Amino acid sequence: MGETAYLNLHTHQAELEHRYGPQVHLIHDPLALTWLARLCHPNCVQPEVNRLITLLYRGLVREVINREFPRRAVRSETRMRELTPFGVYEGQIIDPTTEVTTVDIARAGILPSMVCFDALCEVIDPTRVRQDHILMNRLVDDRAQVTGAGMFGRKIAGPVKDRTLLVPDPMGATGSSLAEAISFYQTELDGSPKQVFCLNLIVTPEFIKRLTTQFPDLVHIYAYRLDRGLSPQDVLADVPGAQWARERGLNDHHYIVPGAGGMGEIMNNALT
């Protein structure tokens, strides 16, 4: 009988305390929060912007893989196997047969999705990893308030039935774009995905409510930071989600406060 300590691995849950429910995971990661604060600062410009986003999404997709992806037990030889019969690792690994699709919601999601795609191909059989592309835009009224999201183009490379879907989008503001994209996968294709993971750097209470209400049994949110900067002081002093109805993270034009500005524009040097 060999080593047994790695046969039943437990997932370390380092998360910010909140009352938003089990679908929401606000990752407690001081290093990531340091990088994110730097990314949000007005002095942060290219190429540092994309470098930091890459670092942050490598960490965030790692959290999802470690916590959510299926595992399998293996017996794997090491280089010591030639010298001793005990030169074998027995334990769990990520199941390389997992079927995954990562969704690029252009334009802020282009780089995050590619980072996740590359990371997944390093862990899972690359033939089981796919990247889809969706071109979307905010729809606004004459007061510049978001009224929804429009889908203007897409490249969907196959079915999603029983697949894991990853939607990496830096700013979880209103949730309109992600809700539109997830609804498309859920209703317009042949079969719904098994589960959907939204990977966001920053989320608002409004974003969380939109997605967890609309997709209560399907969507899970992973984020590094919750921004609710326009909430009353007594709400900010309370546990996040405890006074959810009074929390506010969006200004009148539906940008996140304190937030990071328009990441789609920042990442593409399109600030005009």
Protein backbone atom coordinates (compact mmCIF):
# COMPACT_ATOMS: atom_id res chain seq x y z
CA MET A 1 0.00 0.00 0.00
CA GLY A 2 1.45 3.38 -0.99
CA GLU A 3 0.89 6.97 0.11
CA THR A 4 -2.81 7.77 0.68
CA ALA A 5 -2.70 11.45 1.72
CA TYR A 6 -3.49 12.67 -1.81
CA LEU A 7 -6.36 10.36 -2.63
CA ASN A 8 -9.05 12.63 -1.16
CA LEU A 9 -8.02 16.25 -1.55
CA HIS A 10 -9.98 18.99 0.20
CA THR A 11 -10.43 22.40 -1.40
CA HIS A 12 -9.21 25.38 0.64
CA GLN A 13 -12.00 27.97 0.74
CA ALA A 14 -10.40 31.41 1.21
CA GLU A 15 -13.29 33.80 0.57
CA LEU A 16 -14.67 37.10 1.76
CA GLU A 17 -17.64 36.64 4.09
CA HIS A 18 -20.92 37.63 2.42
CA ARG A 19 -24.65 36.93 2.31
CA TYR A 20 -25.13 36.56 -1.45
CA GLY A 21 -25.55 32.81 -1.37
CA PRO A 22 -23.49 29.75 -2.32
CA GLN A 23 -23.31 30.66 -6.03
CA VAL A 24 -20.99 33.59 -5.27
CA HIS A 25 -17.28 33.29 -4.50
CA LEU A 26 -15.38 36.46 -3.58
CA ILE A 27 -11.82 35.22 -3.52
CA HIS A 28 -9.67 36.33 -0.58
CA ASP A 29 -6.31 36.87 -2.31
CA PRO A 30 -4.20 39.84 -1.11
CA LEU A 31 -1.72 39.48 -3.99
CA ALA A 32 -4.49 39.56 -6.59
CA LEU A 33 -6.08 42.58 -4.86
CA THR A 34 -2.70 44.34 -5.00
CA TRP A 35 -2.43 43.73 -8.74
CA LEU A 36 -6.05 44.75 -9.23
CA ALA A 37 -5.57 48.05 -7.36
CA ARG A 38 -2.63 48.77 -9.64
CA LEU A 39 -4.69 47.87 -12.71
CA CYS A 40 -7.48 50.26 -11.69
CA HIS A 41 -5.15 53.21 -11.07
CA PRO A 42 -5.28 55.98 -13.74
CA ASN A 43 -1.50 55.79 -14.18
CA CYS A 44 -1.72 52.15 -15.33
CA VAL A 45 -1.47 52.02 -19.13
CA GLN A 46 -0.42 49.52 -21.78
CA PRO A 47 1.51 47.26 -21.80
CA GLU A 48 1.13 46.96 -17.99
CA VAL A 49 -2.67 46.74 -18.33
CA ASN A 50 -2.59 43.51 -20.32
CA ARG A 51 0.26 42.10 -18.25
CA LEU A 52 -1.74 42.54 -15.03
CA ILE A 53 -4.93 41.17 -16.58
CA THR A 54 -3.01 38.09 -17.65
CA LEU A 55 -1.64 37.57 -14.14
CA LEU A 56 -5.06 38.05 -12.58
CA TYR A 57 -6.87 35.67 -14.92
CA ARG A 58 -4.21 32.99 -14.59
CA GLY A 59 -4.97 33.05 -10.87
CA LEU A 60 -8.74 33.23 -11.21
CA VAL A 61 -9.03 30.34 -13.65
CA ARG A 62 -6.76 28.34 -11.33
CA GLU A 63 -9.25 28.91 -8.49
CA VAL A 64 -12.12 27.62 -10.63
CA ILE A 65 -10.18 24.59 -11.85
CA ASN A 66 -9.07 23.65 -8.34
CA ARG A 67 -12.49 24.07 -6.74
CA GLU A 68 -14.96 23.07 -9.41
CA PHE A 69 -13.45 20.73 -11.99
CA PRO A 70 -13.85 16.96 -11.65
CA ARG A 71 -10.88 14.89 -10.53
CA ARG A 72 -9.72 11.37 -11.09
CA ALA A 73 -7.40 9.07 -9.14
CA VAL A 74 -4.21 8.06 -10.94
CA ARG A 75 -1.17 5.90 -10.42
CA SER A 76 1.69 7.73 -12.14
CA GLU A 77 5.29 6.62 -12.34
CA THR A 78 8.07 9.03 -11.40
CA ARG A 79 11.72 8.98 -12.50
CA MET A 80 12.51 7.04 -9.32
CA ARG A 81 10.51 4.08 -10.61
CA GLU A 82 13.66 2.63 -12.20
CA LEU A 83 15.34 2.54 -8.80
CA THR A 84 12.51 1.46 -6.50
CA PRO A 85 9.02 -0.03 -6.83
CA PHE A 86 7.79 2.82 -4.61
CA GLY A 87 8.62 5.45 -7.24
CA VAL A 88 4.94 5.94 -8.06
CA TYR A 89 2.56 8.83 -7.29
CA GLU A 90 -0.93 7.74 -6.28
CA GLY A 91 -3.54 10.45 -5.87
CA GLN A 92 -5.95 12.85 -7.49
CA ILE A 93 -5.45 14.99 -10.57
CA ILE A 94 -7.81 17.17 -12.61
CA ASP A 95 -9.77 14.91 -14.94
CA PRO A 96 -8.19 15.55 -18.38
CA THR A 97 -11.38 14.44 -20.18
CA THR A 98 -13.44 17.40 -18.89
CA GLU A 99 -15.30 19.18 -21.72
CA VAL A 100 -14.89 22.96 -21.45
CA THR A 101 -15.82 26.00 -23.52
CA THR A 102 -14.51 29.47 -22.72
CA VAL A 103 -16.45 32.41 -24.15
CA ASP A 104 -14.82 35.57 -25.45
CA ILE A 105 -17.27 38.45 -25.09
CA ALA A 106 -15.60 41.11 -27.21
CA ARG A 107 -14.01 43.35 -26.51
CA ALA A 108 -13.04 43.37 -22.83
CA GLY A 109 -13.27 39.58 -22.73
CA ILE A 110 -10.88 38.87 -25.61
CA LEU A 111 -7.67 38.65 -23.58
CA PRO A 112 -9.22 37.06 -20.43
CA SER A 113 -10.81 34.31 -22.52
CA MET A 114 -7.54 33.61 -24.33
CA VAL A 115 -5.67 33.41 -21.02
CA CYS A 116 -8.23 30.92 -19.70
CA PHE A 117 -8.15 28.94 -22.95
CA ASP A 118 -4.36 28.59 -22.79
CA ALA A 119 -4.45 27.62 -19.09
CA LEU A 120 -7.10 24.97 -19.72
CA CYS A 121 -5.14 23.46 -22.60
CA GLU A 122 -2.19 23.00 -20.23
CA VAL A 123 -4.31 20.89 -17.86
CA ILE A 124 -7.00 19.20 -19.95
CA ASP A 125 -6.80 17.27 -23.20
CA PRO A 126 -6.65 20.24 -25.64
CA THR A 127 -9.08 18.53 -28.02
CA ARG A 128 -11.75 18.93 -25.30
CA VAL A 129 -11.19 22.68 -24.84
CA ARG A 130 -12.95 25.18 -27.09
CA GLN A 131 -13.17 28.95 -27.39
CA ASP A 132 -16.29 30.70 -28.69
CA HIS A 133 -16.57 34.35 -29.68
CA ILE A 134 -19.50 36.73 -29.17
CA LEU A 135 -19.62 40.37 -30.25
CA MET A 136 -21.84 42.35 -27.89
CA ASN A 137 -22.49 45.94 -26.95
CA ARG A 138 -24.35 47.80 -24.25
CA LEU A 139 -27.70 49.23 -25.32
CA VAL A 140 -28.36 52.63 -23.76
CA ASP A 141 -31.26 55.07 -23.73
CA ASP A 142 -31.16 58.84 -24.33
CA ARG A 143 -29.93 59.34 -20.76
CA ALA A 144 -26.94 57.02 -21.38
CA GLN A 145 -28.37 54.42 -19.00
CA VAL A 146 -27.98 50.76 -19.87
CA THR A 147 -31.21 49.15 -21.04
CA GLY A 148 -29.77 45.79 -22.07
CA ALA A 149 -27.21 44.22 -24.38
CA GLY A 150 -27.24 43.53 -28.09
CA MET A 151 -25.55 40.59 -29.80
CA PHE A 152 -24.14 41.69 -33.16
CA GLY A 153 -22.13 38.64 -34.15
CA ARG A 154 -20.94 35.27 -32.91
CA LYS A 155 -18.74 32.30 -33.76
CA ILE A 156 -19.96 29.24 -31.90
CA ALA A 157 -17.86 26.20 -32.73
CA GLY A 158 -20.21 23.46 -31.56
CA PRO A 159 -22.75 22.27 -29.00
CA VAL A 160 -22.49 23.01 -25.29
CA LYS A 161 -24.74 20.29 -23.89
CA ASP A 162 -23.20 18.90 -20.70
CA ARG A 163 -20.08 21.06 -21.13
CA THR A 164 -18.61 23.41 -18.55
CA LEU A 165 -18.87 27.01 -19.74
CA LEU A 166 -16.44 29.73 -18.61
CA VAL A 167 -17.31 33.38 -19.23
CA PRO A 168 -14.31 35.59 -18.33
CA ASP A 169 -15.30 39.26 -18.37
CA PRO A 170 -13.36 41.77 -16.23
CA MET A 171 -16.14 44.10 -15.06
CA GLY A 172 -19.36 42.61 -13.70
CA ALA A 173 -21.45 45.79 -13.79
CA THR A 174 -25.13 45.41 -14.75
CA GLY A 175 -24.88 41.79 -15.88
CA SER A 176 -26.83 42.51 -19.06
CA SER A 177 -24.17 41.26 -21.49
CA LEU A 178 -23.43 38.07 -19.59
CA ALA A 179 -27.11 37.36 -19.04
CA GLU A 180 -27.76 37.73 -22.77
CA ALA A 181 -24.85 35.44 -23.65
CA ILE A 182 -25.78 32.77 -21.11
CA SER A 183 -29.43 32.85 -22.19
CA PHE A 184 -28.30 32.25 -25.77
CA TYR A 185 -26.32 29.17 -24.75
CA GLN A 186 -29.16 27.93 -22.56
CA THR A 187 -32.01 28.32 -25.04
CA GLU A 188 -30.75 28.71 -28.61
CA LEU A 189 -28.40 25.72 -28.90
CA ASP A 190 -29.02 22.00 -28.74
CA GLY A 191 -28.88 21.45 -24.99
CA SER A 192 -27.86 23.59 -22.05
CA PRO A 193 -24.34 23.65 -20.54
CA LYS A 194 -23.84 21.60 -17.40
CA GLN A 195 -22.66 24.61 -15.43
CA VAL A 196 -21.52 28.18 -16.09
CA PHE A 197 -18.74 30.01 -14.29
CA CYS A 198 -18.50 33.79 -14.60
CA LEU A 199 -14.93 34.94 -13.97
CA ASN A 200 -14.84 38.64 -13.09
CA LEU A 201 -12.17 40.87 -11.61
CA ILE A 202 -14.77 43.22 -10.06
CA VAL A 203 -18.49 42.70 -9.47
CA THR A 204 -21.31 44.85 -8.12
CA PRO A 205 -24.28 43.86 -5.95
CA GLU A 206 -26.49 44.62 -8.97
CA PHE A 207 -24.53 42.20 -11.14
CA ILE A 208 -24.73 39.45 -8.55
CA LYS A 209 -28.49 39.89 -8.12
CA ARG A 210 -29.14 39.85 -11.88
CA LEU A 211 -27.27 36.62 -12.55
CA THR A 212 -28.13 34.66 -9.42
CA THR A 213 -31.81 35.54 -9.81
CA GLN A 214 -32.00 34.79 -13.53
CA PHE A 215 -29.89 31.59 -13.40
CA PRO A 216 -30.26 30.23 -9.86
CA ASP A 217 -29.20 26.66 -10.61
CA LEU A 218 -26.74 27.23 -13.42
CA VAL A 219 -24.40 30.18 -12.84
CA HIS A 220 -21.57 30.50 -10.33
CA ILE A 221 -19.66 33.77 -9.92
CA TYR A 222 -15.95 33.94 -9.13
CA ALA A 223 -14.51 37.41 -8.52
CA TYR A 224 -11.61 39.08 -6.74
CA ARG A 225 -13.38 42.25 -5.63
CA LEU A 226 -16.85 43.49 -4.76
CA ASP A 227 -17.44 47.21 -5.42
CA ARG A 228 -20.46 48.85 -3.74
CA GLY A 229 -18.99 52.32 -3.28
CA LEU A 230 -22.27 54.23 -3.63
CA SER A 231 -23.93 52.42 -0.73
CA PRO A 232 -24.75 54.26 2.54
CA GLN A 233 -22.04 54.15 5.18
CA ASP A 234 -23.99 51.88 7.53
CA VAL A 235 -24.39 49.39 4.67
CA LEU A 236 -20.67 49.52 3.87
CA ALA A 237 -19.95 48.78 7.53
CA ASP A 238 -22.11 45.65 7.38
CA VAL A 239 -21.34 42.24 5.91
CA PRO A 240 -21.73 42.33 2.11
CA GLY A 241 -25.18 41.12 1.15
CA ALA A 242 -26.67 41.60 4.62
CA GLN A 243 -28.50 44.72 3.36
CA TRP A 244 -28.47 43.77 -0.31
CA ALA A 245 -31.47 45.93 -1.24
CA ARG A 246 -29.63 49.05 -0.09
CA GLU A 247 -26.31 48.23 -1.73
CA ARG A 248 -25.26 50.16 -4.81
CA GLY A 249 -22.18 49.81 -6.96
CA LEU A 250 -23.29 51.53 -10.18
CA ASN A 251 -23.53 55.23 -10.98
CA ASP A 252 -26.33 56.71 -13.07
CA HIS A 253 -24.54 55.68 -16.27
CA HIS A 254 -24.05 52.14 -14.95
CA TYR A 255 -20.30 52.32 -14.45
CA ILE A 256 -18.79 50.63 -11.39
CA VAL A 257 -17.76 52.76 -8.39
CA PRO A 258 -14.93 52.76 -7.40
CA GLY A 259 -14.33 50.42 -10.35
CA ALA A 260 -11.67 50.70 -13.03
CA GLY A 261 -13.28 52.70 -15.83
CA GLY A 262 -14.23 51.18 -19.16
CA MET A 263 -11.89 48.19 -19.43
CA GLY A 264 -12.83 47.48 -23.03
CA GLU A 265 -11.56 50.93 -23.99
CA ILE A 266 -8.52 50.78 -21.71
CA MET A 267 -7.38 47.37 -22.94
CA ASN A 268 -7.67 48.45 -26.58
CA ASN A 269 -6.29 51.99 -26.26
CA ALA A 270 -9.64 53.29 -27.47
CA LEU A 271 -10.06 56.19 -25.05
CA THR A 272 -11.30 58.98 -27.30
